[in-house]
Amino acid sequence: VTLPCTFVLSEEDEGPLDIEWVLIPADNQKKEQTI
């Protein structure tokens, strides 16, 4: 599967680019997991 995440930047965005995918658990007592 390809989960889509396309984006456009603006000129005011100057910092380093970070893209992060996380898995959010069904149990909200558990913390999300970086994939």
PDB file of all heavy atoms in Angstrom:
ATOM      1  N   VAL A   1       0.850  -1.185   0.000  1.00  0.00           N
ATOM      2  CA  VAL A   1       0.000   0.000   0.000  1.00  0.00           C
ATOM      3  C   VAL A   1       0.888   1.238   0.000  1.00  0.00           C
ATOM      4  O   VAL A   1       1.984   1.220   0.561  1.00  0.00           O
ATOM      5  CB  VAL A   1      -0.965   0.024   1.215  1.00  0.00           C
ATOM      6  CG1 VAL A   1      -0.225   0.228   2.530  1.00  0.00           C
ATOM      7  CG2 VAL A   1      -2.045   1.084   1.048  1.00  0.00           C
ATOM      8  N   THR A   2       0.421   2.284  -0.671  1.00  0.00           N
ATOM      9  CA  THR A   2       1.088   3.580  -0.617  1.00  0.00           C
ATOM     10  C   THR A   2       0.134   4.551   0.059  1.00  0.00           C
ATOM     11  O   THR A   2      -0.940   4.841  -0.465  1.00  0.00           O
ATOM     12  CB  THR A   2       1.454   4.087  -2.026  1.00  0.00           C
ATOM     13  OG1 THR A   2       2.343   3.146  -2.641  1.00  0.00           O
ATOM     14  CG2 THR A   2       2.142   5.451  -1.954  1.00  0.00           C
ATOM     15  N   LEU A   3       0.519   5.006   1.258  1.00  0.00           N
ATOM     16  CA  LEU A   3      -0.283   5.982   1.985  1.00  0.00           C
ATOM     17  C   LEU A   3       0.192   7.370   1.549  1.00  0.00           C
ATOM     18  O   LEU A   3       1.364   7.698   1.700  1.00  0.00           O
ATOM     19  CB  LEU A   3      -0.112   5.799   3.494  1.00  0.00           C
ATOM     20  CG  LEU A   3      -0.466   4.406   4.033  1.00  0.00           C
ATOM     21  CD1 LEU A   3      -0.253   4.354   5.541  1.00  0.00           C
ATOM     22  CD2 LEU A   3      -1.894   4.020   3.685  1.00  0.00           C
ATOM     23  N   PRO A   4      -0.721   8.192   0.976  1.00  0.00           N
ATOM     24  CA  PRO A   4      -0.289   9.449   0.375  1.00  0.00           C
ATOM     25  C   PRO A   4       0.010  10.551   1.398  1.00  0.00           C
ATOM     26  O   PRO A   4      -0.673  10.674   2.410  1.00  0.00           O
ATOM     27  CB  PRO A   4      -1.475   9.839  -0.502  1.00  0.00           C
ATOM     28  CG  PRO A   4      -2.655   9.222   0.185  1.00  0.00           C
ATOM     29  CD  PRO A   4      -2.156   7.961   0.818  1.00  0.00           C
ATOM     30  N   CYS A   5       1.050  11.319   1.104  1.00  0.00           N
ATOM     31  CA  CYS A   5       1.374  12.507   1.909  1.00  0.00           C
ATOM     32  C   CYS A   5       2.182  13.455   1.018  1.00  0.00           C
ATOM     33  O   CYS A   5       3.412  13.467   1.069  1.00  0.00           O
ATOM     34  CB  CYS A   5       2.155  12.139   3.163  1.00  0.00           C
ATOM     35  SG  CYS A   5       2.475  13.569   4.232  1.00  0.00           S
ATOM     36  N   THR A   6       1.469  14.183   0.167  1.00  0.00           N
ATOM     37  CA  THR A   6       2.137  15.166  -0.679  1.00  0.00           C
ATOM     38  C   THR A   6       1.922  16.545  -0.072  1.00  0.00           C
ATOM     39  O   THR A   6       0.928  16.783   0.621  1.00  0.00           O
ATOM     40  CB  THR A   6       1.602  15.126  -2.123  1.00  0.00           C
ATOM     41  OG1 THR A   6       0.183  15.284  -2.100  1.00  0.00           O
ATOM     42  CG2 THR A   6       1.961  13.807  -2.805  1.00  0.00           C
ATOM     43  N   PHE A   7       2.876  17.430  -0.326  1.00  0.00           N
ATOM     44  CA  PHE A   7       2.822  18.743   0.313  1.00  0.00           C
ATOM     45  C   PHE A   7       3.485  19.792  -0.574  1.00  0.00           C
ATOM     46  O   PHE A   7       4.252  19.463  -1.484  1.00  0.00           O
ATOM     47  CB  PHE A   7       3.514  18.703   1.688  1.00  0.00           C
ATOM     48  CG  PHE A   7       4.947  18.248   1.627  1.00  0.00           C
ATOM     49  CD1 PHE A   7       5.985  19.170   1.497  1.00  0.00           C
ATOM     50  CD2 PHE A   7       5.269  16.901   1.689  1.00  0.00           C
ATOM     51  CE1 PHE A   7       7.296  18.754   1.428  1.00  0.00           C
ATOM     52  CE2 PHE A   7       6.594  16.473   1.619  1.00  0.00           C
ATOM     53  CZ  PHE A   7       7.614  17.402   1.489  1.00  0.00           C
ATOM     54  N   VAL A   8       3.129  21.045  -0.304  1.00  0.00           N
ATOM     55  CA  VAL A   8       3.796  22.174  -0.951  1.00  0.00           C
ATOM     56  C   VAL A   8       4.327  23.086   0.141  1.00  0.00           C
ATOM     57  O   VAL A   8       3.703  23.262   1.183  1.00  0.00           O
ATOM     58  CB  VAL A   8       2.854  22.959  -1.905  1.00  0.00           C
ATOM     59  CG1 VAL A   8       2.507  22.133  -3.124  1.00  0.00           C
ATOM     60  CG2 VAL A   8       1.602  23.422  -1.201  1.00  0.00           C
ATOM     61  N   LEU A   9       5.502  23.648  -0.114  1.00  0.00           N
ATOM     62  CA  LEU A   9       6.144  24.559   0.829  1.00  0.00           C
ATOM     63  C   LEU A   9       5.895  25.992   0.374  1.00  0.00           C
ATOM     64  O   LEU A   9       5.564  26.230  -0.789  1.00  0.00           O
ATOM     65  CB  LEU A   9       7.646  24.283   0.886  1.00  0.00           C
ATOM     66  CG  LEU A   9       8.037  22.860   1.299  1.00  0.00           C
ATOM     67  CD1 LEU A   9       9.537  22.651   1.148  1.00  0.00           C
ATOM     68  CD2 LEU A   9       7.605  22.575   2.728  1.00  0.00           C
ATOM     69  N   SER A  10       6.060  26.920   1.270  1.00  0.00           N
ATOM     70  CA  SER A  10       5.966  28.322   0.891  1.00  0.00           C
ATOM     71  C   SER A  10       7.320  28.982   1.157  1.00  0.00           C
ATOM     72  O   SER A  10       8.169  28.424   1.847  1.00  0.00           O
ATOM     73  CB  SER A  10       4.854  29.028   1.666  1.00  0.00           C
ATOM     74  OG  SER A  10       5.292  29.356   2.961  1.00  0.00           O
ATOM     75  N   GLU A  11       7.496  30.164   0.617  1.00  0.00           N
ATOM     76  CA  GLU A  11       8.776  30.860   0.765  1.00  0.00           C
ATOM     77  C   GLU A  11       9.084  31.189   2.210  1.00  0.00           C
ATOM     78  O   GLU A  11      10.237  31.313   2.589  1.00  0.00           O
ATOM     79  CB  GLU A  11       8.767  32.136  -0.088  1.00  0.00           C
ATOM     80  CG  GLU A  11       8.810  31.830  -1.569  1.00  0.00           C
ATOM     81  CD  GLU A  11       8.734  33.090  -2.414  1.00  0.00           C
ATOM     82  OE1 GLU A  11       8.952  34.186  -1.869  1.00  0.00           O
ATOM     83  OE2 GLU A  11       8.460  32.951  -3.607  1.00  0.00           O
ATOM     84  N   GLU A  12       8.041  31.319   3.020  1.00  0.00           N
ATOM     85  CA  GLU A  12       8.293  31.657   4.422  1.00  0.00           C
ATOM     86  C   GLU A  12       8.805  30.471   5.237  1.00  0.00           C
ATOM     87  O   GLU A  12       9.291  30.639   6.347  1.00  0.00           O
ATOM     88  CB  GLU A  12       7.030  32.243   5.062  1.00  0.00           C
ATOM     89  CG  GLU A  12       5.895  31.254   5.179  1.00  0.00           C
ATOM     90  CD  GLU A  12       4.567  31.908   5.520  1.00  0.00           C
ATOM     91  OE1 GLU A  12       4.179  32.866   4.841  1.00  0.00           O
ATOM     92  OE2 GLU A  12       3.930  31.443   6.487  1.00  0.00           O
ATOM     93  N   ASP A  13       8.685  29.258   4.697  1.00  0.00           N
ATOM     94  CA  ASP A  13       9.180  28.067   5.397  1.00  0.00           C
ATOM     95  C   ASP A  13      10.682  27.944   5.148  1.00  0.00           C
ATOM     96  O   ASP A  13      11.114  27.603   4.055  1.00  0.00           O
ATOM     97  CB  ASP A  13       8.452  26.813   4.896  1.00  0.00           C
ATOM     98  CG  ASP A  13       6.962  26.851   5.185  1.00  0.00           C
ATOM     99  OD1 ASP A  13       6.596  27.288   6.292  1.00  0.00           O
ATOM    100  OD2 ASP A  13       6.178  26.462   4.307  1.00  0.00           O
ATOM    101  N   GLU A  14      11.467  28.218   6.187  1.00  0.00           N
ATOM    102  CA  GLU A  14      12.918  28.292   6.013  1.00  0.00           C
ATOM    103  C   GLU A  14      13.689  27.223   6.768  1.00  0.00           C
ATOM    104  O   GLU A  14      14.857  26.996   6.502  1.00  0.00           O
ATOM    105  CB  GLU A  14      13.424  29.673   6.468  1.00  0.00           C
ATOM    106  CG  GLU A  14      12.863  30.800   5.633  1.00  0.00           C
ATOM    107  CD  GLU A  14      13.273  32.160   6.165  1.00  0.00           C
ATOM    108  OE1 GLU A  14      13.766  32.232   7.309  1.00  0.00           O
ATOM    109  OE2 GLU A  14      13.093  33.145   5.432  1.00  0.00           O
ATOM    110  N   GLY A  15      13.075  26.588   7.752  1.00  0.00           N
ATOM    111  CA  GLY A  15      13.798  25.625   8.571  1.00  0.00           C
ATOM    112  C   GLY A  15      14.081  24.338   7.816  1.00  0.00           C
ATOM    113  O   GLY A  15      13.690  24.177   6.663  1.00  0.00           O
ATOM    114  N   PRO A  16      14.768  23.393   8.466  1.00  0.00           N
ATOM    115  CA  PRO A  16      15.026  22.099   7.829  1.00  0.00           C
ATOM    116  C   PRO A  16      13.722  21.320   7.656  1.00  0.00           C
ATOM    117  O   PRO A  16      12.805  21.454   8.460  1.00  0.00           O
ATOM    118  CB  PRO A  16      15.964  21.387   8.804  1.00  0.00           C
ATOM    119  CG  PRO A  16      15.747  22.067  10.108  1.00  0.00           C
ATOM    120  CD  PRO A  16      15.333  23.472   9.824  1.00  0.00           C
ATOM    121  N   LEU A  17      13.649  20.533   6.599  1.00  0.00           N
ATOM    122  CA  LEU A  17      12.453  19.744   6.319  1.00  0.00           C
ATOM    123  C   LEU A  17      12.485  18.450   7.128  1.00  0.00           C
ATOM    124  O   LEU A  17      13.466  17.712   7.088  1.00  0.00           O
ATOM    125  CB  LEU A  17      12.365  19.419   4.822  1.00  0.00           C
ATOM    126  CG  LEU A  17      11.206  18.518   4.397  1.00  0.00           C
ATOM    127  CD1 LEU A  17       9.863  19.212   4.637  1.00  0.00           C
ATOM    128  CD2 LEU A  17      11.348  18.125   2.937  1.00  0.00           C
ATOM    129  N   ASP A  18      11.408  18.191   7.847  1.00  0.00           N
ATOM    130  CA  ASP A  18      11.234  16.935   8.583  1.00  0.00           C
ATOM    131  C   ASP A  18       9.925  16.308   8.144  1.00  0.00           C
ATOM    132  O   ASP A  18       8.894  16.987   8.104  1.00  0.00           O
ATOM    133  CB  ASP A  18      11.146  17.168  10.094  1.00  0.00           C
ATOM    134  CG  ASP A  18      12.483  17.469  10.737  1.00  0.00           C
ATOM    135  OD1 ASP A  18      13.515  17.149  10.138  1.00  0.00           O
ATOM    136  OD2 ASP A  18      12.483  18.035  11.848  1.00  0.00           O
ATOM    137  N   ILE A  19       9.968  15.021   7.825  1.00  0.00           N
ATOM    138  CA  ILE A  19       8.752  14.266   7.515  1.00  0.00           C
ATOM    139  C   ILE A  19       8.764  13.048   8.423  1.00  0.00           C
ATOM    140  O   ILE A  19       9.753  12.309   8.458  1.00  0.00           O
ATOM    141  CB  ILE A  19       8.714  13.819   6.041  1.00  0.00           C
ATOM    142  CG1 ILE A  19       8.864  15.016   5.104  1.00  0.00           C
ATOM    143  CG2 ILE A  19       7.423  13.059   5.750  1.00  0.00           C
ATOM    144  CD1 ILE A  19       9.151  14.641   3.668  1.00  0.00           C
ATOM    145  N   GLU A  20       7.677  12.848   9.138  1.00  0.00           N
ATOM    146  CA  GLU A  20       7.623  11.736  10.081  1.00  0.00           C
ATOM    147  C   GLU A  20       6.303  11.001   9.921  1.00  0.00           C
ATOM    148  O   GLU A  20       5.246  11.616   9.851  1.00  0.00           O
ATOM    149  CB  GLU A  20       7.753  12.269  11.515  1.00  0.00           C
ATOM    150  CG  GLU A  20       7.734  11.197  12.572  1.00  0.00           C
ATOM    151  CD  GLU A  20       7.794  11.780  13.991  1.00  0.00           C
ATOM    152  OE1 GLU A  20       7.595  12.999  14.159  1.00  0.00           O
ATOM    153  OE2 GLU A  20       8.013  10.989  14.914  1.00  0.00           O
ATOM    154  N   TRP A  21       6.366   9.673   9.845  1.00  0.00           N
ATOM    155  CA  TRP A  21       5.173   8.825   9.837  1.00  0.00           C
ATOM    156  C   TRP A  21       5.100   8.114  11.182  1.00  0.00           C
ATOM    157  O   TRP A  21       6.077   7.512  11.623  1.00  0.00           O
ATOM    158  CB  TRP A  21       5.250   7.785   8.722  1.00  0.00           C
ATOM    159  CG  TRP A  21       4.808   8.306   7.391  1.00  0.00           C
ATOM    160  CD1 TRP A  21       5.606   8.816   6.406  1.00  0.00           C
ATOM    161  CD2 TRP A  21       3.470   8.356   6.889  1.00  0.00           C
ATOM    162  NE1 TRP A  21       4.850   9.175   5.322  1.00  0.00           N
ATOM    163  CE2 TRP A  21       3.529   8.903   5.590  1.00  0.00           C
ATOM    164  CE3 TRP A  21       2.223   8.001   7.403  1.00  0.00           C
ATOM    165  CZ2 TRP A  21       2.398   9.094   4.807  1.00  0.00           C
ATOM    166  CZ3 TRP A  21       1.095   8.185   6.627  1.00  0.00           C
ATOM    167  CH2 TRP A  21       1.185   8.726   5.343  1.00  0.00           C
ATOM    168  N   VAL A  22       3.930   8.191  11.817  1.00  0.00           N
ATOM    169  CA  VAL A  22       3.732   7.494  13.085  1.00  0.00           C
ATOM    170  C   VAL A  22       2.492   6.616  12.996  1.00  0.00           C
ATOM    171  O   VAL A  22       1.575   6.889  12.227  1.00  0.00           O
ATOM    172  CB  VAL A  22       3.600   8.476  14.278  1.00  0.00           C
ATOM    173  CG1 VAL A  22       4.873   9.273  14.472  1.00  0.00           C
ATOM    174  CG2 VAL A  22       2.407   9.389  14.129  1.00  0.00           C
ATOM    175  N   LEU A  23       2.497   5.562  13.791  1.00  0.00           N
ATOM    176  CA  LEU A  23       1.339   4.679  13.942  1.00  0.00           C
ATOM    177  C   LEU A  23       0.694   5.042  15.267  1.00  0.00           C
ATOM    178  O   LEU A  23       1.344   5.018  16.311  1.00  0.00           O
ATOM    179  CB  LEU A  23       1.783   3.216  13.927  1.00  0.00           C
ATOM    180  CG  LEU A  23       0.708   2.161  14.174  1.00  0.00           C
ATOM    181  CD1 LEU A  23      -0.440   2.278  13.183  1.00  0.00           C
ATOM    182  CD2 LEU A  23       1.318   0.766  14.106  1.00  0.00           C
ATOM    183  N   ILE A  24      -0.582   5.431  15.204  1.00  0.00           N
ATOM    184  CA  ILE A  24      -1.303   5.844  16.405  1.00  0.00           C
ATOM    185  C   ILE A  24      -2.035   4.624  16.952  1.00  0.00           C
ATOM    186  O   ILE A  24      -2.877   4.046  16.262  1.00  0.00           O
ATOM    187  CB  ILE A  24      -2.296   6.973  16.085  1.00  0.00           C
ATOM    188  CG1 ILE A  24      -1.532   8.186  15.532  1.00  0.00           C
ATOM    189  CG2 ILE A  24      -3.100   7.360  17.317  1.00  0.00           C
ATOM    190  CD1 ILE A  24      -2.414   9.256  14.945  1.00  0.00           C
ATOM    191  N   PRO A  25      -1.729   4.204  18.173  1.00  0.00           N
ATOM    192  CA  PRO A  25      -2.373   2.988  18.707  1.00  0.00           C
ATOM    193  C   PRO A  25      -3.846   3.213  18.988  1.00  0.00           C
ATOM    194  O   PRO A  25      -4.279   4.329  19.297  1.00  0.00           O
ATOM    195  CB  PRO A  25      -1.598   2.723  20.007  1.00  0.00           C
ATOM    196  CG  PRO A  25      -1.015   4.032  20.387  1.00  0.00           C
ATOM    197  CD  PRO A  25      -0.807   4.816  19.124  1.00  0.00           C
ATOM    198  N   ALA A  26      -4.624   2.139  18.871  1.00  0.00           N
ATOM    199  CA  ALA A  26      -6.063   2.209  19.156  1.00  0.00           C
ATOM    200  C   ALA A  26      -6.274   2.515  20.635  1.00  0.00           C
ATOM    201  O   ALA A  26      -7.225   3.194  21.012  1.00  0.00           O
ATOM    202  CB  ALA A  26      -6.732   0.893  18.774  1.00  0.00           C
ATOM    203  N   ASP A  27      -5.380   2.022  21.480  1.00  0.00           N
ATOM    204  CA  ASP A  27      -5.441   2.275  22.913  1.00  0.00           C
ATOM    205  C   ASP A  27      -4.751   3.612  23.187  1.00  0.00           C
ATOM    206  O   ASP A  27      -3.534   3.723  23.043  1.00  0.00           O
ATOM    207  CB  ASP A  27      -4.738   1.132  23.660  1.00  0.00           C
ATOM    208  CG  ASP A  27      -4.709   1.335  25.167  1.00  0.00           C
ATOM    209  OD1 ASP A  27      -5.161   2.392  25.641  1.00  0.00           O
ATOM    210  OD2 ASP A  27      -4.218   0.429  25.868  1.00  0.00           O
ATOM    211  N   ASN A  28      -5.531   4.625  23.578  1.00  0.00           N
ATOM    212  CA  ASN A  28      -4.930   5.946  23.750  1.00  0.00           C
ATOM    213  C   ASN A  28      -4.041   6.056  24.985  1.00  0.00           C
ATOM    214  O   ASN A  28      -3.471   7.107  25.245  1.00  0.00           O
ATOM    215  CB  ASN A  28      -6.001   7.053  23.730  1.00  0.00           C
ATOM    216  CG  ASN A  28      -7.000   6.914  24.859  1.00  0.00           C
ATOM    217  OD1 ASN A  28      -6.809   6.125  25.777  1.00  0.00           O
ATOM    218  ND2 ASN A  28      -8.073   7.688  24.796  1.00  0.00           N
ATOM    219  N   GLN A  29      -3.898   4.983  25.737  1.00  0.00           N
ATOM    220  CA  GLN A  29      -2.961   4.973  26.861  1.00  0.00           C
ATOM    221  C   GLN A  29      -1.531   4.694  26.379  1.00  0.00           C
ATOM    222  O   GLN A  29      -0.568   4.966  27.072  1.00  0.00           O
ATOM    223  CB  GLN A  29      -3.363   3.900  27.891  1.00  0.00           C
ATOM    224  CG  GLN A  29      -4.738   4.116  28.496  1.00  0.00           C
ATOM    225  CD  GLN A  29      -4.860   5.464  29.197  1.00  0.00           C
ATOM    226  OE1 GLN A  29      -4.016   5.832  29.994  1.00  0.00           O
ATOM    227  NE2 GLN A  29      -5.904   6.210  28.857  1.00  0.00           N
ATOM    228  N   LYS A  30      -1.420   4.122  25.176  1.00  0.00           N
ATOM    229  CA  LYS A  30      -0.095   3.810  24.628  1.00  0.00           C
ATOM    230  C   LYS A  30       0.384   4.981  23.785  1.00  0.00           C
ATOM    231  O   LYS A  30      -0.412   5.732  23.236  1.00  0.00           O
ATOM    232  CB  LYS A  30      -0.164   2.542  23.776  1.00  0.00           C
ATOM    233  CG  LYS A  30      -0.501   1.308  24.578  1.00  0.00           C
ATOM    234  CD  LYS A  30      -0.527   0.080  23.698  1.00  0.00           C
ATOM    235  CE  LYS A  30      -0.840  -1.157  24.511  1.00  0.00           C
ATOM    236  NZ  LYS A  30      -1.113  -2.312  23.682  1.00  0.00           N
ATOM    237  N   LYS A  31       1.715   5.119  23.671  1.00  0.00           N
ATOM    238  CA  LYS A  31       2.213   6.248  22.888  1.00  0.00           C
ATOM    239  C   LYS A  31       2.348   5.866  21.426  1.00  0.00           C
ATOM    240  O   LYS A  31       2.511   4.695  21.082  1.00  0.00           O
ATOM    241  CB  LYS A  31       3.515   6.790  23.471  1.00  0.00           C
ATOM    242  CG  LYS A  31       4.727   5.892  23.376  1.00  0.00           C
ATOM    243  CD  LYS A  31       5.893   6.555  24.104  1.00  0.00           C
ATOM    244  CE  LYS A  31       7.215   5.934  23.743  1.00  0.00           C
ATOM    245  NZ  LYS A  31       7.839   6.431  22.564  1.00  0.00           N
ATOM    246  N   GLU A  32       2.277   6.886  20.571  1.00  0.00           N
ATOM    247  CA  GLU A  32       2.395   6.626  19.145  1.00  0.00           C
ATOM    248  C   GLU A  32       3.803   6.130  18.819  1.00  0.00           C
ATOM    249  O   GLU A  32       4.762   6.419  19.522  1.00  0.00           O
ATOM    250  CB  GLU A  32       2.033   7.865  18.330  1.00  0.00           C
ATOM    251  CG  GLU A  32       2.846   9.090  18.641  1.00  0.00           C
ATOM    252  CD  GLU A  32       2.300  10.334  17.953  1.00  0.00           C
ATOM    253  OE1 GLU A  32       1.073  10.525  17.872  1.00  0.00           O
ATOM    254  OE2 GLU A  32       3.127  11.135  17.512  1.00  0.00           O
ATOM    255  N   GLN A  33       3.891   5.346  17.743  1.00  0.00           N
ATOM    256  CA  GLN A  33       5.139   4.695  17.363  1.00  0.00           C
ATOM    257  C   GLN A  33       5.666   5.297  16.066  1.00  0.00           C
ATOM    258  O   GLN A  33       4.967   5.293  15.059  1.00  0.00           O
ATOM    259  CB  GLN A  33       4.868   3.185  17.170  1.00  0.00           C
ATOM    260  CG  GLN A  33       6.045   2.390  16.724  1.00  0.00           C
ATOM    261  CD  GLN A  33       7.118   2.307  17.801  1.00  0.00           C
ATOM    262  OE1 GLN A  33       6.845   1.911  18.924  1.00  0.00           O
ATOM    263  NE2 GLN A  33       8.328   2.673  17.448  1.00  0.00           N
ATOM    264  N   THR A  34       6.880   5.832  16.099  1.00  0.00           N
ATOM    265  CA  THR A  34       7.484   6.351  14.877  1.00  0.00           C
ATOM    266  C   THR A  34       7.853   5.178  13.973  1.00  0.00           C
ATOM    267  O   THR A  34       8.468   4.206  14.418  1.00  0.00           O
ATOM    268  CB  THR A  34       8.748   7.181  15.193  1.00  0.00           C
ATOM    269  OG1 THR A  34       8.363   8.281  16.016  1.00  0.00           O
ATOM    270  CG2 THR A  34       9.400   7.705  13.925  1.00  0.00           C
ATOM    271  N   ILE A  35       7.466   5.272  12.692  1.00  0.00           N
ATOM    272  CA  ILE A  35       7.737   4.203  11.729  1.00  0.00           C
ATOM    273  C   ILE A  35       8.936   4.555  10.859  1.00  0.00           C
ATOM    274  O   ILE A  35       9.832   3.745  10.656  1.00  0.00           O
ATOM    275  CB  ILE A  35       6.499   3.976  10.836  1.00  0.00           C
ATOM    276  CG1 ILE A  35       5.333   3.520  11.694  1.00  0.00           C
ATOM    277  CG2 ILE A  35       6.785   2.968   9.748  1.00  0.00           C
ATOM    278  CD1 ILE A  35       4.035   3.545  10.974  1.00  0.00           C
TER     279      ILE A  35
END
